[in-house]
Amino acid sequence: MSASGSSRAKFGPRSYVGAHTALVTPFLDGKVCWEDLRKLVDLQISAGIDGLVSVGTTGESPTLDYDEHVEVIARTAEFAAGRVPVMAGTGSNSTVEALDLTRRADEAGADSFLLVAPYYNKPSQEGLFRHFSAVAEATDKPILLYSIPGRCGVEITVETTLRLRQKYPHIIGIKEAGGQVEKAARLVKESDAEFIVLSGDDSLTLPFAEVGAQGVVSVASNLIPGPVARLAKLARTRQFAEAKVLHDRLAEIFRTLFVEPNPVPVKHCMMRAGIIRSDEVRLPLCEMSEANRLLVEKVADATLASFR
């Protein structure tokens, strides 16, 4: 039974290979700017992005209030209008809250759910298994796990991932953001052929693909969706020589967008490129230092110019 009691998945598991943009949440004068969000969704889809992630870390989920969180998901699903899958970030360090967010996101039109490992309270692997099991038992829509130990203080191990996959087939994949190519290789090798491994780092899209991963959840694609979508496709179809050329062209922007906390740099670049009207973020995030701002602008300008 799905979280809403009736809705079912519109997109099959293979819809989640490729490049998925971890959308920023545009703000204007302190509020979510729905006009900019609509424009951003249309830009992403027209550029060939395979899917959208709504209200992940890049979408500033920690500083959106509960109602904003759900409305951003609902509006993103409305604007996407079934053209690509919309994956909703519904993770929490409280299982009760993750369940409620997942239910509300389902009702709001999300096609699937991205569930980050509970953060700060650092559960054991058994605690992680029970947490994700509770959510999996409340929905029949696809779930992707999200392991990012640098932010959460705990990783979802290969063993826990495989255990969850075996018990809940609609846990269709994992966004692996621990920076370990070896772990990606193990996930691919030790899981079944249908399980999807996505890189959580733009810079590792190609190295992950070389060991069998099938795509990326990208921050850079907010700014350059076309090149990121092409890189993911080339890598996924094992056209590695051509992918390496493109990866090398993008390597500097991939690095530079993380000189300060995400999504501060990418929002600034998007504003300068006319994609969104404001680069506002919410405290405790703040604007970049002058030196980093100049660096980011230089690299972004050169990257955008090279793809015109």
Protein backbone atom coordinates (compact mmCIF):
# COMPACT_ATOMS: atom_id res chain seq x y z
CA MET A 1 0.00 0.00 0.00
CA SER A 2 1.32 3.42 -0.89
CA ALA A 3 1.69 6.17 1.67
CA SER A 4 -1.44 7.89 0.39
CA GLY A 5 -3.36 4.65 0.17
CA SER A 6 -4.08 4.78 -3.56
CA SER A 7 -1.39 6.35 -5.73
CA ARG A 8 1.02 4.12 -7.59
CA ALA A 9 4.32 4.64 -9.33
CA LYS A 10 4.11 6.12 -12.82
CA PHE A 11 7.78 5.52 -13.63
CA GLY A 12 9.49 2.14 -13.60
CA PRO A 13 12.84 1.49 -11.93
CA ARG A 14 14.84 2.03 -15.13
CA SER A 15 13.55 5.61 -15.22
CA TYR A 16 16.06 6.34 -12.48
CA VAL A 17 19.25 5.71 -14.43
CA GLY A 18 20.99 8.75 -15.94
CA ALA A 19 21.35 12.32 -14.70
CA HIS A 20 19.01 13.63 -12.02
CA THR A 21 19.27 17.25 -10.91
CA ALA A 22 19.27 17.96 -7.19
CA LEU A 23 17.23 21.12 -7.66
CA VAL A 24 17.99 24.30 -5.77
CA THR A 25 15.03 25.98 -4.11
CA PRO A 26 14.91 29.53 -5.50
CA PHE A 27 14.15 32.27 -2.98
CA LEU A 28 13.14 35.88 -3.54
CA ASP A 29 12.82 38.30 -0.63
CA GLY A 30 12.91 35.44 1.83
CA LYS A 31 10.18 33.35 0.24
CA VAL A 32 10.21 30.48 -2.24
CA CYS A 33 10.00 31.91 -5.77
CA TRP A 34 7.56 29.68 -7.62
CA GLU A 35 8.04 31.46 -10.93
CA ASP A 36 11.77 30.75 -10.86
CA LEU A 37 11.14 27.15 -9.83
CA ARG A 38 8.84 26.63 -12.81
CA LYS A 39 11.42 28.16 -15.13
CA LEU A 40 14.13 25.95 -13.66
CA VAL A 41 12.09 22.76 -14.06
CA ASP A 42 11.33 23.58 -17.71
CA LEU A 43 14.99 24.38 -18.40
CA GLN A 44 16.11 21.08 -16.91
CA ILE A 45 13.67 18.99 -18.89
CA SER A 46 14.27 20.79 -22.17
CA ALA A 47 18.03 20.23 -21.72
CA GLY A 48 17.59 16.47 -21.45
CA ILE A 49 17.87 15.80 -17.73
CA ASP A 50 16.46 12.37 -16.84
CA GLY A 51 14.89 13.28 -13.52
CA LEU A 52 14.52 15.85 -10.75
CA VAL A 53 15.24 15.61 -7.04
CA SER A 54 13.10 17.99 -5.01
CA VAL A 55 14.14 19.24 -1.57
CA GLY A 56 17.37 17.39 -1.07
CA THR A 57 20.34 19.04 0.59
CA THR A 58 20.83 21.24 -2.48
CA GLY A 59 17.20 22.30 -2.12
CA GLU A 60 17.99 23.56 1.40
CA SER A 61 15.74 21.08 3.15
CA PRO A 62 17.22 21.90 6.58
CA THR A 63 15.90 25.48 6.47
CA LEU A 64 12.57 24.99 4.71
CA ASP A 65 9.72 24.70 7.16
CA TYR A 66 7.52 21.64 7.00
CA ASP A 67 4.78 23.15 4.84
CA GLU A 68 7.31 24.74 2.47
CA HIS A 69 9.05 21.38 2.11
CA VAL A 70 5.86 19.66 0.97
CA GLU A 71 4.73 22.55 -1.24
CA VAL A 72 8.06 22.66 -3.09
CA ILE A 73 7.63 18.95 -3.86
CA ALA A 74 4.04 19.49 -4.97
CA ARG A 75 4.91 22.43 -7.22
CA THR A 76 7.89 20.60 -8.71
CA ALA A 77 5.65 17.64 -9.57
CA GLU A 78 3.05 20.03 -11.01
CA PHE A 79 5.63 21.84 -13.15
CA ALA A 80 7.23 18.60 -14.34
CA ALA A 81 3.78 17.35 -15.37
CA GLY A 82 4.88 13.75 -15.76
CA ARG A 83 7.65 14.50 -18.25
CA VAL A 84 10.37 13.13 -15.96
CA PRO A 85 10.24 11.47 -12.55
CA VAL A 86 10.28 13.69 -9.49
CA MET A 87 12.13 12.17 -6.57
CA ALA A 88 11.25 13.78 -3.23
CA GLY A 89 13.73 14.15 -0.43
CA THR A 90 11.79 12.83 2.58
CA GLY A 91 14.56 11.64 4.86
CA SER A 92 14.87 12.63 8.50
CA ASN A 93 16.70 11.59 11.64
CA SER A 94 13.27 10.83 13.10
CA THR A 95 11.56 7.79 11.63
CA VAL A 96 8.13 9.20 12.47
CA GLU A 97 8.94 12.40 10.60
CA ALA A 98 10.35 10.50 7.60
CA LEU A 99 7.14 8.49 7.45
CA ASP A 100 4.98 11.59 7.58
CA LEU A 101 7.07 13.45 4.99
CA THR A 102 6.94 10.44 2.68
CA ARG A 103 3.16 10.20 3.06
CA ARG A 104 2.68 13.89 2.39
CA ALA A 105 5.10 13.89 -0.55
CA ASP A 106 3.21 10.94 -2.05
CA GLU A 107 -0.04 12.86 -1.76
CA ALA A 108 1.70 15.89 -3.29
CA GLY A 109 2.56 13.94 -6.45
CA ALA A 110 6.11 12.67 -5.91
CA ASP A 111 7.02 9.68 -8.06
CA SER A 112 9.65 8.28 -5.70
CA PHE A 113 11.53 9.07 -2.52
CA LEU A 114 15.17 9.78 -1.69
CA LEU A 115 15.86 8.78 1.91
CA VAL A 116 19.06 10.00 3.50
CA ALA A 117 20.61 8.14 6.40
CA PRO A 118 19.41 9.59 9.71
CA TYR A 119 21.86 12.29 10.73
CA TYR A 120 23.27 13.44 14.07
CA ASN A 121 21.87 10.61 16.20
CA LYS A 122 24.21 8.12 14.45
CA PRO A 123 22.14 4.91 14.53
CA SER A 124 23.66 1.46 14.25
CA GLN A 125 23.29 -0.51 11.02
CA GLU A 126 20.40 -2.39 12.64
CA GLY A 127 18.79 0.94 13.47
CA LEU A 128 19.25 2.05 9.86
CA PHE A 129 17.69 -1.19 8.64
CA ARG A 130 14.64 -0.73 10.86
CA HIS A 131 14.32 2.95 9.92
CA PHE A 132 14.32 2.31 6.18
CA SER A 133 12.13 -0.76 6.63
CA ALA A 134 9.45 1.32 8.34
CA VAL A 135 9.31 3.70 5.38
CA ALA A 136 9.46 0.90 2.80
CA GLU A 137 6.50 -0.78 4.45
CA ALA A 138 4.47 2.43 4.16
CA THR A 139 4.78 2.93 0.38
CA ASP A 140 4.92 0.88 -2.79
CA LYS A 141 6.62 3.65 -4.79
CA PRO A 142 10.35 3.46 -5.60
CA ILE A 143 12.81 4.38 -2.86
CA LEU A 144 16.45 5.32 -3.31
CA LEU A 145 18.69 5.24 -0.28
CA TYR A 146 21.15 8.10 0.21
CA SER A 147 24.46 7.47 1.94
CA ILE A 148 26.49 10.59 2.68
CA PRO A 149 28.56 9.95 5.81
CA GLY A 150 30.29 13.33 5.61
CA ARG A 151 27.01 15.02 6.47
CA CYS A 152 25.26 12.30 8.45
CA GLY A 153 28.04 10.88 10.58
CA VAL A 154 27.03 7.35 9.54
CA GLU A 155 27.07 5.46 6.26
CA ILE A 156 24.67 2.91 4.86
CA THR A 157 26.96 -0.06 4.41
CA VAL A 158 26.94 -2.43 1.46
CA GLU A 159 25.62 -5.17 3.72
CA THR A 160 22.71 -3.08 4.99
CA THR A 161 21.90 -1.94 1.47
CA LEU A 162 21.79 -5.51 0.19
CA ARG A 163 19.68 -6.63 3.13
CA LEU A 164 17.14 -3.88 2.46
CA ARG A 165 17.09 -4.60 -1.27
CA GLN A 166 16.45 -8.29 -0.68
CA LYS A 167 13.50 -7.64 1.62
CA TYR A 168 12.03 -4.63 -0.22
CA PRO A 169 12.36 -4.84 -4.03
CA HIS A 170 10.97 -1.32 -4.41
CA ILE A 171 14.16 -0.04 -2.76
CA ILE A 172 15.53 0.29 -6.26
CA GLY A 173 18.88 1.95 -5.73
CA ILE A 174 21.22 4.14 -3.77
CA LYS A 175 22.75 7.56 -4.15
CA GLU A 176 26.29 6.93 -2.95
CA ALA A 177 28.02 10.12 -1.82
CA GLY A 178 30.79 8.73 0.33
CA GLY A 179 33.42 9.24 -2.35
CA GLN A 180 34.43 5.58 -2.48
CA VAL A 181 34.70 4.09 -5.95
CA GLU A 182 35.47 0.75 -4.31
CA LYS A 183 32.14 0.82 -2.48
CA ALA A 184 30.30 1.63 -5.70
CA ALA A 185 32.00 -1.34 -7.33
CA ARG A 186 30.93 -3.63 -4.50
CA LEU A 187 27.34 -2.40 -4.66
CA VAL A 188 27.22 -3.11 -8.38
CA LYS A 189 28.90 -6.50 -8.08
CA GLU A 190 27.05 -7.80 -5.05
CA SER A 191 23.53 -6.53 -5.78
CA ASP A 192 21.19 -7.82 -8.45
CA ALA A 193 21.40 -6.55 -12.02
CA GLU A 194 18.40 -4.23 -11.63
CA PHE A 195 19.70 -2.36 -8.60
CA ILE A 196 20.72 1.21 -9.47
CA VAL A 197 23.84 2.89 -8.13
CA LEU A 198 24.03 6.65 -8.66
CA SER A 199 26.99 8.86 -7.87
CA GLY A 200 26.27 11.59 -5.37
CA ASP A 201 29.25 13.61 -6.61
CA ASP A 202 29.51 15.22 -10.04
CA SER A 203 33.24 14.63 -10.13
CA LEU A 204 32.78 10.87 -9.64
CA THR A 205 30.16 10.33 -12.36
CA LEU A 206 32.70 8.83 -14.74
CA PRO A 207 34.78 6.83 -12.21
CA PHE A 208 31.59 5.34 -10.79
CA ALA A 209 30.32 4.48 -14.28
CA GLU A 210 33.57 2.68 -15.02
CA VAL A 211 32.74 0.21 -12.24
CA GLY A 212 29.11 -0.16 -13.32
CA ALA A 213 27.13 2.70 -11.74
CA GLN A 214 24.32 4.06 -13.88
CA GLY A 215 24.18 7.81 -13.33
CA VAL A 216 24.44 10.77 -11.02
CA VAL A 217 22.41 13.02 -8.77
CA SER A 218 23.98 16.29 -9.84
CA VAL A 219 24.40 19.76 -8.38
CA ALA A 220 26.22 21.20 -11.40
CA SER A 221 23.30 20.37 -13.69
CA ASN A 222 21.32 23.19 -12.09
CA LEU A 223 23.68 25.44 -14.07
CA ILE A 224 24.73 23.21 -17.00
CA PRO A 225 22.06 20.54 -17.44
CA GLY A 226 22.89 19.67 -21.05
CA PRO A 227 26.57 18.81 -20.56
CA VAL A 228 25.86 16.86 -17.36
CA ALA A 229 23.09 14.87 -19.05
CA ARG A 230 25.41 14.09 -21.94
CA LEU A 231 28.24 13.03 -19.64
CA ALA A 232 25.93 10.67 -17.77
CA LYS A 233 24.64 9.16 -21.01
CA LEU A 234 28.11 8.65 -22.47
CA ALA A 235 29.32 7.07 -19.24
CA ARG A 236 26.25 4.89 -18.84
CA THR A 237 26.56 3.58 -22.40
CA ARG A 238 30.26 2.91 -21.79
CA GLN A 239 31.52 5.39 -24.36
CA PHE A 240 34.37 6.08 -21.99
CA ALA A 241 36.82 7.78 -24.35
CA GLU A 242 34.31 10.46 -25.33
CA ALA A 243 33.05 10.69 -21.76
CA LYS A 244 36.60 11.31 -20.53
CA VAL A 245 37.01 14.27 -22.88
CA LEU A 246 33.78 15.81 -21.59
CA HIS A 247 34.59 14.98 -17.97
CA ASP A 248 37.91 16.80 -18.30
CA ARG A 249 36.14 19.89 -19.67
CA LEU A 250 33.81 19.86 -16.67
CA ALA A 251 36.26 18.89 -13.94
CA GLU A 252 37.07 22.44 -12.86
CA ILE A 253 33.46 23.56 -12.51
CA PHE A 254 32.66 20.36 -10.62
CA ARG A 255 35.39 21.20 -8.10
CA THR A 256 34.74 24.92 -7.89
CA LEU A 257 31.03 24.64 -7.11
CA PHE A 258 32.04 23.18 -3.75
CA VAL A 259 34.61 25.74 -2.58
CA GLU A 260 31.92 26.85 -0.12
CA PRO A 261 28.90 24.98 1.22
CA ASN A 262 26.41 23.78 -1.37
CA PRO A 263 24.22 25.35 -2.77
CA VAL A 264 25.77 28.78 -2.19
CA PRO A 265 28.15 28.75 -5.21
CA VAL A 266 25.74 27.16 -7.68
CA LYS A 267 22.94 29.56 -6.75
CA HIS A 268 25.24 32.52 -7.32
CA CYS A 269 26.23 31.19 -10.73
CA MET A 270 22.62 30.53 -11.65
CA MET A 271 21.67 34.10 -10.76
CA ARG A 272 24.48 35.51 -12.88
CA ALA A 273 23.40 33.27 -15.77
CA GLY A 274 19.80 34.53 -15.51
CA ILE A 275 18.35 31.16 -14.50
CA ILE A 276 17.06 32.46 -11.15
CA ARG A 277 16.63 36.05 -10.01
CA SER A 278 18.29 35.81 -6.61
CA ASP A 279 21.11 33.82 -5.07
CA GLU A 280 19.49 34.04 -1.63
CA VAL A 281 20.15 31.26 0.86
CA ARG A 282 18.91 30.95 4.41
CA LEU A 283 21.02 31.15 7.53
CA PRO A 284 23.18 29.49 8.68
CA LEU A 285 24.26 29.52 5.01
CA CYS A 286 25.52 32.87 3.79
CA GLU A 287 27.19 34.53 0.80
CA MET A 288 30.68 33.49 -0.30
CA SER A 289 33.86 35.24 0.63
CA GLU A 290 35.08 37.76 -1.93
CA ALA A 291 37.99 35.57 -3.02
CA ASN A 292 35.82 32.51 -3.54
CA ARG A 293 33.14 34.54 -5.31
CA LEU A 294 35.67 35.80 -7.84
CA LEU A 295 37.03 32.29 -8.36
CA VAL A 296 33.57 30.79 -8.86
CA GLU A 297 32.56 33.51 -11.30
CA LYS A 298 35.73 33.08 -13.36
CA VAL A 299 35.34 29.31 -13.67
CA ALA A 300 31.59 29.43 -14.30
CA ASP A 301 31.93 32.11 -16.98
CA ALA A 302 34.62 30.09 -18.77
CA THR A 303 32.56 26.90 -18.56
CA LEU A 304 29.37 28.47 -19.86
CA ALA A 305 31.25 30.19 -22.68
CA SER A 306 32.81 26.89 -23.74
CA PHE A 307 29.39 25.29 -24.27
CA ARG A 308 27.72 28.13 -26.16
